[in-house]
Each structure stands twice: as structure tokens, then as C-alpha cells.
Protein backbone atom coordinates (compact mmCIF):
# COMPACT_ATOMS: atom_id res chain seq x y z
CA MET A 1 -115.24 -140.77 41.86
CA ILE A 2 -112.03 -140.58 39.82
CA ASN A 3 -112.09 -140.09 35.95
CA ASN A 4 -115.80 -140.84 36.04
CA LYS A 5 -115.16 -144.23 37.83
CA LYS A 6 -117.24 -144.84 40.95
CA VAL A 7 -115.50 -145.99 44.07
CA LEU A 8 -116.95 -148.11 46.89
CA ALA A 9 -115.09 -148.51 50.23
CA ILE A 10 -115.94 -151.54 52.39
CA ILE A 11 -114.92 -151.70 56.01
CA PRO A 12 -115.14 -155.45 57.30
CA ALA A 13 -115.98 -155.79 60.94
CA ARG A 14 -116.26 -159.30 62.14
CA GLY A 15 -117.28 -159.95 65.78
CA GLY A 16 -115.65 -162.60 67.92
CA SER A 17 -111.86 -161.53 67.80
CA VAL A 18 -109.72 -164.02 69.71
CA GLY A 19 -106.44 -161.97 70.07
CA LEU A 20 -108.18 -158.91 71.39
CA PRO A 21 -111.83 -159.55 72.21
CA GLY A 22 -114.23 -156.84 70.91
CA LYS A 23 -111.42 -154.96 69.22
CA ASN A 24 -113.42 -153.44 66.36
CA ILE A 25 -115.49 -151.34 68.84
CA ILE A 26 -113.03 -151.16 71.75
CA ASP A 27 -112.88 -147.69 73.27
CA VAL A 28 -109.91 -145.65 72.25
CA ASN A 29 -109.75 -141.99 73.54
CA GLY A 30 -113.60 -142.02 73.77
CA LYS A 31 -114.23 -143.40 70.30
CA PRO A 32 -114.80 -147.04 69.13
CA LEU A 33 -111.79 -148.33 67.16
CA LEU A 34 -113.82 -148.49 63.88
CA PHE A 35 -114.27 -144.66 64.06
CA TYR A 36 -110.83 -144.06 63.00
CA THR A 37 -111.14 -145.93 59.77
CA TRP A 38 -114.58 -144.73 58.88
CA ASN A 39 -113.61 -141.22 59.68
CA GLN A 40 -110.65 -141.14 57.15
CA ALA A 41 -112.73 -142.85 54.53
CA GLN A 42 -115.29 -140.08 54.91
CA LYS A 43 -112.50 -137.63 54.05
CA SER A 44 -111.38 -139.37 50.86
CA LYS A 45 -111.91 -137.18 47.77
CA TYR A 46 -112.60 -140.16 45.49
CA ILE A 47 -114.82 -142.64 47.55
CA ASP A 48 -118.41 -142.36 46.60
CA ARG A 49 -119.84 -144.66 49.23
CA VAL A 50 -118.52 -146.17 52.50
CA ILE A 51 -120.23 -149.20 53.95
CA LEU A 52 -119.58 -151.47 56.84
CA SER A 53 -119.93 -155.25 56.69
CA SER A 54 -120.65 -157.18 59.83
CA GLU A 55 -122.67 -160.12 61.28
CA ASP A 56 -122.42 -158.57 64.76
CA ASP A 57 -125.42 -156.70 66.14
CA GLU A 58 -123.37 -154.61 68.64
CA ILE A 59 -120.74 -153.72 66.02
CA ILE A 60 -123.57 -152.71 63.67
CA ARG A 61 -125.29 -150.55 66.35
CA VAL A 62 -122.02 -148.72 67.19
CA ALA A 63 -121.32 -148.18 63.53
CA LYS A 64 -124.82 -146.68 62.88
CA SER A 65 -124.52 -144.48 65.94
CA LEU A 66 -121.38 -142.95 64.30
CA GLY A 67 -123.37 -142.38 60.93
CA CYS A 68 -121.75 -145.18 59.19
CA GLU A 69 -123.68 -146.81 56.63
CA VAL A 70 -124.52 -150.68 57.36
CA PRO A 71 -126.89 -151.70 54.45
CA PHE A 72 -127.12 -155.40 55.32
CA THR A 73 -126.15 -157.91 57.97
CA ARG A 74 -123.34 -160.11 56.80
CA PRO A 75 -124.15 -163.93 56.68
CA LYS A 76 -122.77 -165.97 59.49
CA GLU A 77 -121.14 -168.35 57.18
CA LEU A 78 -118.93 -165.38 55.93
CA SER A 79 -117.95 -164.41 59.26
CA GLU A 80 -116.07 -167.30 60.74
CA SER A 81 -112.38 -166.91 61.79
CA THR A 82 -111.32 -168.72 58.80
CA SER A 83 -113.49 -166.63 56.31
CA GLY A 84 -111.38 -164.77 53.73
CA SER A 85 -111.91 -161.12 52.53
CA MET A 86 -112.87 -162.03 48.97
CA PRO A 87 -116.19 -163.61 49.77
CA VAL A 88 -116.95 -160.70 52.04
CA ILE A 89 -116.27 -158.15 49.30
CA PHE A 90 -118.21 -159.91 46.71
CA HIS A 91 -121.22 -160.37 48.87
CA ALA A 92 -121.20 -156.66 49.78
CA ILE A 93 -121.05 -155.75 46.07
CA GLU A 94 -123.88 -158.02 45.12
CA GLU A 95 -126.10 -156.78 48.07
CA LEU A 96 -125.79 -153.08 46.97
CA ASP A 97 -128.27 -151.43 44.56
CA GLU A 98 -125.69 -149.62 42.38
CA ALA A 99 -122.61 -150.43 40.39
CA PHE A 100 -119.03 -149.41 41.10
CA ASP A 101 -115.73 -149.54 39.11
CA TYR A 102 -113.28 -149.64 42.06
CA VAL A 103 -113.53 -151.34 45.50
CA VAL A 104 -111.37 -150.23 48.39
CA LEU A 105 -110.97 -152.53 51.36
CA LEU A 106 -110.14 -150.74 54.73
CA GLN A 107 -109.34 -152.89 57.64
CA ILE A 108 -110.39 -151.43 61.08
CA THR A 109 -107.11 -152.74 62.58
CA SER A 110 -105.05 -150.17 60.53
CA PRO A 111 -106.42 -147.07 62.23
CA LEU A 112 -103.40 -144.68 61.52
CA ARG A 113 -103.91 -144.76 57.80
CA ILE A 114 -105.06 -141.38 56.60
CA ALA A 115 -107.41 -140.18 53.73
CA GLU A 116 -104.24 -139.22 51.68
CA ASP A 117 -103.13 -142.89 51.87
CA ILE A 118 -106.38 -143.91 50.47
CA ASP A 119 -106.59 -141.46 47.72
CA LYS A 120 -102.89 -142.04 46.68
CA SER A 121 -103.63 -145.76 46.32
CA ILE A 122 -106.59 -144.95 43.94
CA GLU A 123 -104.67 -142.39 42.14
CA LEU A 124 -101.84 -144.75 41.57
CA CYS A 125 -104.11 -147.30 40.00
CA GLU A 126 -105.54 -144.73 37.57
CA LYS A 127 -102.17 -143.11 36.75
CA ASN A 128 -100.44 -146.30 35.97
CA ASN A 129 -103.37 -148.17 34.53
CA ALA A 130 -102.87 -150.77 37.17
CA PRO A 131 -105.80 -153.07 38.15
CA SER A 132 -104.94 -153.01 41.95
CA CYS A 133 -102.82 -151.27 44.57
CA LEU A 134 -101.73 -152.35 47.95
CA SER A 135 -100.20 -150.28 50.65
CA ALA A 136 -96.97 -151.51 52.08
CA VAL A 137 -94.13 -150.57 54.50
CA ALA A 138 -90.42 -151.07 54.45
CA ASN A 139 -89.22 -154.18 56.37
CA GLU A 140 -86.97 -153.44 59.31
CA LYS A 141 -84.64 -156.14 58.41
CA PRO A 142 -83.30 -156.67 54.86
CA LEU A 143 -83.92 -160.02 53.04
CA GLU A 144 -80.27 -161.05 53.46
CA TRP A 145 -80.58 -160.84 57.26
CA ILE A 146 -83.62 -163.31 57.35
CA PHE A 147 -83.25 -166.98 57.58
CA ARG A 148 -84.72 -170.28 58.86
CA VAL A 149 -83.00 -172.42 61.24
CA SER A 150 -82.24 -176.15 60.34
CA ASP A 151 -82.90 -179.05 62.57
CA GLN A 152 -79.19 -178.88 63.54
CA GLY A 153 -79.48 -175.38 64.64
CA LYS A 154 -77.80 -173.88 61.58
CA VAL A 155 -78.58 -170.99 59.18
CA VAL A 156 -80.79 -171.68 56.20
CA PRO A 157 -80.80 -168.50 54.10
CA ILE A 158 -84.08 -167.27 52.63
CA SER A 159 -82.35 -165.55 49.82
CA ASN A 160 -79.54 -166.74 47.60
CA LYS A 161 -78.00 -163.40 47.71
CA LYS A 162 -74.70 -162.97 49.54
CA VAL A 163 -75.15 -161.94 53.17
CA ALA A 164 -74.73 -158.22 53.45
CA ILE A 165 -73.24 -157.07 56.71
CA ARG A 166 -73.92 -153.48 56.34
CA ARG A 167 -77.57 -152.32 55.94
CA GLN A 168 -76.54 -149.98 53.23
CA ASP A 169 -75.39 -152.86 51.15
CA ALA A 170 -78.52 -154.80 51.54
CA THR A 171 -81.60 -155.04 49.40
CA GLU A 172 -84.59 -152.95 50.78
CA ILE A 173 -87.79 -155.06 50.92
CA PHE A 174 -91.45 -154.29 51.70
CA SER A 175 -94.41 -156.05 53.29
CA VAL A 176 -98.06 -155.49 52.73
CA ASN A 177 -99.28 -153.48 55.84
CA GLY A 178 -103.06 -154.20 55.38
CA ALA A 179 -104.01 -150.49 55.52
CA VAL A 180 -105.41 -150.03 51.92
CA ALA A 181 -106.29 -152.46 49.19
CA VAL A 182 -107.87 -151.07 45.98
CA ALA A 183 -108.87 -152.99 42.83
CA GLU A 184 -111.00 -152.70 39.72
CA ILE A 185 -113.98 -154.77 40.62
CA GLU A 186 -114.24 -156.73 37.33
CA TRP A 187 -110.56 -157.65 37.43
CA LEU A 188 -110.87 -158.62 41.17
CA LYS A 189 -113.64 -161.12 40.25
CA SER A 190 -111.38 -162.77 37.71
CA GLN A 191 -108.38 -162.88 40.05
CA ASP A 192 -109.96 -163.50 43.44
CA HIS A 193 -107.05 -161.67 44.99
CA PHE A 194 -105.53 -158.20 45.22
CA LEU A 195 -102.08 -159.24 44.68
CA SER A 196 -100.71 -160.08 41.33
CA GLU A 197 -97.61 -159.13 39.12
CA GLU A 198 -99.82 -156.20 37.86
CA THR A 199 -100.35 -154.69 41.32
CA ILE A 200 -98.78 -151.36 42.11
CA VAL A 201 -97.71 -150.33 45.59
CA HIS A 202 -98.41 -147.27 47.82
CA ILE A 203 -95.51 -147.11 50.32
CA MET A 204 -96.56 -145.85 53.91
CA PRO A 205 -94.22 -144.88 56.77
CA LYS A 206 -93.98 -147.20 59.64
CA SER A 207 -95.67 -144.66 61.82
CA ARG A 208 -98.91 -145.24 59.95
CA SER A 209 -98.55 -148.90 59.38
CA ILE A 210 -99.57 -150.31 62.74
CA ASP A 211 -101.85 -153.44 62.63
CA ILE A 212 -103.67 -154.01 65.84
CA ASP A 213 -103.99 -157.52 66.95
CA THR A 214 -102.80 -157.53 70.54
CA ILE A 215 -103.13 -155.32 73.56
CA ASP A 216 -99.57 -154.16 73.02
CA ASP A 217 -100.48 -153.02 69.55
CA LEU A 218 -103.57 -151.20 70.93
CA ASN A 219 -101.29 -149.44 73.50
CA LEU A 220 -98.88 -148.47 70.80
CA PHE A 221 -101.92 -146.92 68.74
CA LYS A 222 -102.99 -144.91 71.73
CA TYR A 223 -99.37 -143.61 72.23
CA PHE A 224 -99.23 -142.54 68.53
CA LEU A 225 -102.67 -140.74 69.01
CA SER A 226 -101.30 -138.91 72.05
CA GLU A 227 -98.26 -137.84 70.09
CA ASN A 228 -100.33 -136.56 67.27
CA GLU A 229 -102.51 -134.54 69.55
CA ALA A 230 -99.45 -133.10 71.26
CA GLU A 231 -98.16 -131.87 68.01
CA LYS A 232 -101.35 -129.87 67.16
């Protein structure tokens, strides 16, 4: 709870991943991948309730074995590869027996985000009276260095800004990293999207912004985990 506003965290966990089969419960250092997101959500000082939403019996079993709350089974029609996050969020909110002011979406595929990232995102909403907050990471390449290629093989600039040869002369840009998304529930219902001109941003370092979609991403996550353990 923050300023008497209740906070719900939803961890979506659809079965049937194509890029990395079974990735939500794949073993990483003796723990299923979903553990790392659930564990940090539990450490948040503002989240009042953490639930997992899934249609997959095995994911639900593994989640419950960890102590993660799974209060319902998600309908199959909300668990297709084309299903968006919004219907999943609204279904979860409607299924619960209590009201919340904020919802926090935590993707299992961003396992390096920490409780401080979650709490900072919630704090930014409250401090700035913003209806939503998204976590983001600085792009490796500035906008002036990004372009399309024409049918003739020539550069088609994305930006109308003059090309900056030196990085220090270029404009720094950011991308949503998928680690944390926070929104006022009533606002989200009216917008049906976390991102708007009112959205505020919590900037995270690249070292915590990994998004696991392939075996290479998974191996990188394991590397970061081993590095973190070595530093303790």
C-alpha cells in the first residue's frame, strides 16, 4: 500500500512458448524462472497482493509449490500467442474478491529486475501524480544512427535530425524494457494501454533489463546470476 492506495501485482505466465519451450518454469540454478520475478515482488514494500495468472496446469503447480498465489485458472481464449496483456489484467482484476487502486504487471521474462525497481516505479506515479509508469533502458544506438534501407540499398533516416557522428553529439533515446508496468486501475480501464503522454518512466540499467526470449538470453541471465553470486 502507498498513501492508502492498494497495489496488486500480476505475473502473467502463459504456457506454450515457441522461442524457448517451457521458459516460464525452466530450471535456472535450481529454481524455475518464475521464481525470480515472484521473489522480488514479495520483497516490495508497496505491493499488497501478488498473484500469478496462467492457463497451464504445470505452471500453476510449480507456482503453488513456491508459495505463489494462483487464485484462478486463466481461460484458454486469453492464453493464445496473440493474446494481449490488457484482457489478462482485466480478467484477473474481475476475478479477485477485493478492490485495488494500482496494478503492477511483472513479466517473468525480466528476471533481473529487483524490488527497488518495482517500488521506484510505484513511487514515481504517486510523487508525480502520473497515472502510469513504465520501466525503460537507454538504447545502445542513438536515433541518428538508426535507419531503414531503401529498395535501392540506400539509407532512409528514421529521424529528420542531422546525423551525429560522435555519440556525445547524438540524442539519447530509451526503449521500454518490459520489466515493470504500473498503472492506476481506473485510468487503465479507460486507456486500455500503459503508455500515453502522461506516462512517467523509471530508467533501469542494461544489466537488469534482460528480456528472455531465446536460449542466448537465458544463458546471459545465468551469467549475470553467477556474477552476482560471485560479488556476494
